[in-house]
């Protein structure tokens, strides 16, 4: 039986996913990127992780300003569990 996902057991798997930003998202500009077609996303560093992720704590450094898609992502939901399974957690 799998244990439930909690903040204590989360490995920030979702912070490796591409996050497209909506016009109403209030993310600091230095943490965003824009592709050739003008789509804004959360920037990712060379290691593939979201630029807003604190690597020491695995917590979001802009939690109160995180994009809506991050707010809607359900910890322990089907997408979360699929990402965890993909990396073997």
N, C-alpha and C. Protein backbone atom coordinates (compact mmCIF):
# COMPACT_ATOMS: atom_id res chain seq x y z
N UNK A 1 0.84 -1.18 0.00
CA UNK A 1 0.00 0.00 0.00
C UNK A 1 0.89 1.25 0.00
N UNK A 2 0.59 2.20 -0.87
CA UNK A 2 1.37 3.43 -0.95
C UNK A 2 1.02 4.35 0.21
N UNK A 3 2.05 5.03 0.72
CA UNK A 3 1.77 6.03 1.75
C UNK A 3 1.22 7.28 1.08
N UNK A 4 0.49 8.07 1.83
CA UNK A 4 -0.09 9.28 1.25
C UNK A 4 1.00 10.32 1.04
N UNK A 5 0.78 11.19 0.08
CA UNK A 5 1.71 12.25 -0.22
C UNK A 5 1.43 13.42 0.70
N UNK A 6 2.45 13.89 1.37
CA UNK A 6 2.34 15.06 2.25
C UNK A 6 3.49 16.00 1.93
N UNK A 7 3.46 17.18 2.51
CA UNK A 7 4.57 18.12 2.32
C UNK A 7 5.88 17.48 2.77
N UNK A 8 5.82 16.66 3.82
CA UNK A 8 7.03 16.03 4.34
C UNK A 8 7.59 14.97 3.40
N UNK A 9 6.73 14.35 2.59
CA UNK A 9 7.20 13.28 1.69
C UNK A 9 7.29 13.73 0.23
N UNK A 10 6.94 14.97 -0.04
CA UNK A 10 6.97 15.48 -1.41
C UNK A 10 8.40 15.70 -1.86
N UNK A 11 8.69 15.34 -3.08
CA UNK A 11 10.03 15.56 -3.64
C UNK A 11 9.99 16.61 -4.75
N UNK A 12 8.95 17.43 -4.75
CA UNK A 12 8.80 18.53 -5.72
C UNK A 12 8.86 18.04 -7.16
N UNK A 13 8.33 16.87 -7.42
CA UNK A 13 8.33 16.29 -8.78
C UNK A 13 7.70 17.23 -9.79
N UNK A 14 6.63 17.90 -9.38
CA UNK A 14 5.92 18.78 -10.30
C UNK A 14 6.78 19.99 -10.69
N UNK A 15 7.80 20.28 -9.95
CA UNK A 15 8.66 21.43 -10.25
C UNK A 15 9.61 21.16 -11.41
N UNK A 16 9.49 20.00 -12.02
CA UNK A 16 10.23 19.70 -13.25
C UNK A 16 9.33 19.81 -14.48
N UNK A 17 8.04 20.01 -14.26
CA UNK A 17 7.10 20.13 -15.37
C UNK A 17 7.14 21.53 -15.96
N UNK A 18 6.83 21.63 -17.25
CA UNK A 18 6.74 22.95 -17.87
C UNK A 18 5.47 23.63 -17.39
N UNK A 19 5.61 24.89 -16.98
CA UNK A 19 4.48 25.64 -16.46
C UNK A 19 4.25 26.85 -17.36
N UNK A 20 3.16 26.78 -18.12
CA UNK A 20 2.79 27.92 -18.96
C UNK A 20 2.08 28.95 -18.10
N UNK A 21 2.43 30.20 -18.31
CA UNK A 21 1.85 31.29 -17.52
C UNK A 21 0.68 31.93 -18.25
N UNK A 22 -0.29 32.33 -17.48
CA UNK A 22 -1.46 33.03 -18.00
C UNK A 22 -1.26 34.52 -17.74
N UNK A 23 -2.00 35.36 -18.44
CA UNK A 23 -1.82 36.80 -18.31
C UNK A 23 -2.07 37.29 -16.89
N UNK A 24 -2.94 36.63 -16.15
CA UNK A 24 -3.25 37.06 -14.78
C UNK A 24 -2.23 36.59 -13.74
N UNK A 25 -1.30 35.72 -14.11
CA UNK A 25 -0.28 35.26 -13.17
C UNK A 25 0.67 36.40 -12.82
N UNK A 26 1.01 36.51 -11.55
CA UNK A 26 1.85 37.60 -11.05
C UNK A 26 3.21 37.06 -10.60
N UNK A 27 3.93 36.50 -11.53
CA UNK A 27 5.24 35.90 -11.25
C UNK A 27 6.32 36.94 -11.53
N UNK A 28 7.32 37.08 -10.65
CA UNK A 28 8.41 38.01 -10.93
C UNK A 28 9.05 37.73 -12.29
N UNK A 29 9.26 38.76 -13.06
CA UNK A 29 9.76 38.62 -14.43
C UNK A 29 11.06 37.83 -14.53
N UNK A 30 11.95 37.97 -13.54
CA UNK A 30 13.23 37.27 -13.62
C UNK A 30 13.09 35.76 -13.48
N UNK A 31 11.89 35.28 -13.13
CA UNK A 31 11.65 33.85 -13.00
C UNK A 31 10.84 33.30 -14.17
N UNK A 32 10.71 34.10 -15.23
CA UNK A 32 9.93 33.68 -16.40
C UNK A 32 10.83 33.57 -17.63
N UNK A 33 10.34 32.84 -18.60
CA UNK A 33 11.02 32.71 -19.89
C UNK A 33 9.96 32.88 -20.97
N UNK A 34 10.39 33.18 -22.18
CA UNK A 34 9.47 33.32 -23.29
C UNK A 34 10.03 32.56 -24.48
N UNK A 35 9.19 31.72 -25.10
CA UNK A 35 9.67 30.98 -26.26
C UNK A 35 9.55 31.82 -27.53
N UNK A 36 9.96 31.26 -28.65
CA UNK A 36 9.97 32.00 -29.91
C UNK A 36 8.59 32.48 -30.34
N UNK A 37 7.56 31.76 -29.92
CA UNK A 37 6.20 32.16 -30.31
C UNK A 37 5.56 33.11 -29.30
N UNK A 38 6.32 33.51 -28.26
CA UNK A 38 5.83 34.47 -27.30
C UNK A 38 5.11 33.88 -26.10
N UNK A 39 5.12 32.57 -25.96
CA UNK A 39 4.48 31.93 -24.81
C UNK A 39 5.38 32.07 -23.59
N UNK A 40 4.79 32.63 -22.50
CA UNK A 40 5.55 32.79 -21.26
C UNK A 40 5.42 31.55 -20.40
N UNK A 41 6.54 31.12 -19.84
CA UNK A 41 6.58 29.96 -18.95
C UNK A 41 7.42 30.30 -17.73
N UNK A 42 7.33 29.46 -16.72
CA UNK A 42 8.26 29.58 -15.60
C UNK A 42 9.63 29.19 -16.13
N UNK A 43 10.63 29.96 -15.78
CA UNK A 43 11.99 29.65 -16.21
C UNK A 43 12.47 28.40 -15.49
N UNK A 44 13.33 27.66 -16.17
CA UNK A 44 13.94 26.50 -15.55
C UNK A 44 15.45 26.67 -15.63
N UNK A 45 16.10 26.23 -14.60
CA UNK A 45 17.55 26.33 -14.57
C UNK A 45 18.17 25.16 -15.32
N UNK A 46 19.48 25.17 -15.47
CA UNK A 46 20.18 24.15 -16.25
C UNK A 46 19.91 22.73 -15.75
N UNK A 47 19.56 22.59 -14.47
CA UNK A 47 19.30 21.26 -13.92
C UNK A 47 17.87 20.78 -14.21
N UNK A 48 17.07 21.61 -14.88
CA UNK A 48 15.71 21.23 -15.25
C UNK A 48 14.64 21.60 -14.25
N UNK A 49 15.02 22.04 -13.07
CA UNK A 49 14.05 22.39 -12.03
C UNK A 49 13.57 23.82 -12.23
N UNK A 50 12.38 24.11 -11.75
CA UNK A 50 11.81 25.45 -11.79
C UNK A 50 12.75 26.44 -11.11
N UNK A 51 12.90 27.61 -11.69
CA UNK A 51 13.78 28.63 -11.13
C UNK A 51 13.30 29.15 -9.78
N UNK A 52 12.02 28.96 -9.46
CA UNK A 52 11.49 29.43 -8.17
C UNK A 52 11.65 28.42 -7.04
N UNK A 53 12.14 27.23 -7.36
CA UNK A 53 12.29 26.18 -6.34
C UNK A 53 13.55 26.40 -5.52
N UNK A 54 13.40 26.42 -4.21
CA UNK A 54 14.55 26.46 -3.30
C UNK A 54 15.13 25.05 -3.26
N UNK A 55 16.33 24.88 -3.74
CA UNK A 55 16.94 23.55 -3.85
C UNK A 55 17.24 22.92 -2.49
N UNK A 56 17.41 23.72 -1.47
CA UNK A 56 17.71 23.20 -0.12
C UNK A 56 16.47 22.61 0.54
N UNK A 57 15.35 23.33 0.45
CA UNK A 57 14.13 22.92 1.16
C UNK A 57 13.11 22.24 0.25
N UNK A 58 13.30 22.35 -1.07
CA UNK A 58 12.34 21.88 -2.07
C UNK A 58 10.98 22.55 -1.92
N UNK A 59 10.99 23.80 -1.46
CA UNK A 59 9.78 24.61 -1.33
C UNK A 59 9.83 25.74 -2.35
N UNK A 60 8.66 26.20 -2.75
CA UNK A 60 8.55 27.29 -3.70
C UNK A 60 8.91 28.61 -3.02
N UNK A 61 9.84 29.37 -3.63
CA UNK A 61 10.24 30.66 -3.07
C UNK A 61 9.23 31.76 -3.34
N UNK A 62 8.27 31.51 -4.23
CA UNK A 62 7.24 32.52 -4.54
C UNK A 62 5.85 31.93 -4.29
N UNK A 63 5.71 31.12 -3.28
CA UNK A 63 4.47 30.38 -3.04
C UNK A 63 3.23 31.27 -3.11
N UNK A 64 3.27 32.43 -2.49
CA UNK A 64 2.10 33.32 -2.50
C UNK A 64 1.83 33.93 -3.88
N UNK A 65 2.83 33.89 -4.77
CA UNK A 65 2.68 34.46 -6.12
C UNK A 65 2.77 33.38 -7.19
N UNK A 66 2.70 32.12 -6.79
CA UNK A 66 2.85 31.02 -7.76
C UNK A 66 1.74 31.08 -8.81
N UNK A 67 2.03 30.56 -10.01
CA UNK A 67 1.03 30.59 -11.08
C UNK A 67 -0.22 29.78 -10.73
N UNK A 68 -1.31 30.11 -11.40
CA UNK A 68 -2.57 29.41 -11.14
C UNK A 68 -2.46 27.92 -11.40
N UNK A 69 -1.72 27.54 -12.43
CA UNK A 69 -1.59 26.11 -12.74
C UNK A 69 -0.93 25.37 -11.57
N UNK A 70 -0.02 26.02 -10.87
CA UNK A 70 0.60 25.41 -9.69
C UNK A 70 -0.40 25.34 -8.53
N UNK A 71 -1.22 26.35 -8.41
CA UNK A 71 -2.25 26.36 -7.37
C UNK A 71 -3.26 25.23 -7.59
N UNK A 72 -3.55 24.94 -8.86
CA UNK A 72 -4.55 23.92 -9.20
C UNK A 72 -4.00 22.50 -9.15
N UNK A 73 -2.68 22.35 -9.15
CA UNK A 73 -2.06 21.02 -9.15
C UNK A 73 -2.29 20.39 -7.78
N UNK A 74 -2.96 19.27 -7.76
CA UNK A 74 -3.36 18.65 -6.50
C UNK A 74 -2.31 17.68 -5.97
N UNK A 75 -1.74 18.00 -4.80
CA UNK A 75 -0.79 17.11 -4.17
C UNK A 75 -1.49 15.79 -3.86
N UNK A 76 -0.94 14.69 -4.34
CA UNK A 76 -1.54 13.38 -4.13
C UNK A 76 -2.59 13.03 -5.16
N UNK A 77 -2.87 13.96 -6.10
CA UNK A 77 -3.82 13.69 -7.17
C UNK A 77 -3.22 12.76 -8.21
N UNK A 78 -3.99 12.40 -9.21
CA UNK A 78 -3.53 11.43 -10.20
C UNK A 78 -2.30 11.91 -10.96
N UNK A 79 -2.24 13.19 -11.33
CA UNK A 79 -1.06 13.71 -12.04
C UNK A 79 0.17 13.68 -11.14
N UNK A 80 0.00 14.04 -9.89
CA UNK A 80 1.09 14.02 -8.91
C UNK A 80 1.62 12.60 -8.74
N UNK A 81 0.73 11.66 -8.56
CA UNK A 81 1.14 10.27 -8.36
C UNK A 81 1.84 9.72 -9.61
N UNK A 82 1.39 10.13 -10.80
CA UNK A 82 2.04 9.68 -12.03
C UNK A 82 3.46 10.23 -12.13
N UNK A 83 3.66 11.50 -11.76
CA UNK A 83 5.00 12.09 -11.80
C UNK A 83 5.92 11.41 -10.78
N UNK A 84 5.40 11.13 -9.61
CA UNK A 84 6.18 10.45 -8.57
C UNK A 84 6.57 9.05 -9.04
N UNK A 85 5.64 8.35 -9.67
CA UNK A 85 5.93 7.00 -10.17
C UNK A 85 6.99 7.04 -11.28
N UNK A 86 6.94 8.08 -12.10
CA UNK A 86 7.89 8.21 -13.21
C UNK A 86 9.33 8.33 -12.73
N UNK A 87 9.52 8.88 -11.52
CA UNK A 87 10.89 8.98 -11.00
C UNK A 87 11.16 7.95 -9.90
N UNK A 88 10.22 7.05 -9.71
CA UNK A 88 10.44 5.93 -8.79
C UNK A 88 10.20 6.21 -7.33
N UNK A 89 9.32 7.15 -7.03
CA UNK A 89 9.03 7.44 -5.61
C UNK A 89 7.74 6.73 -5.24
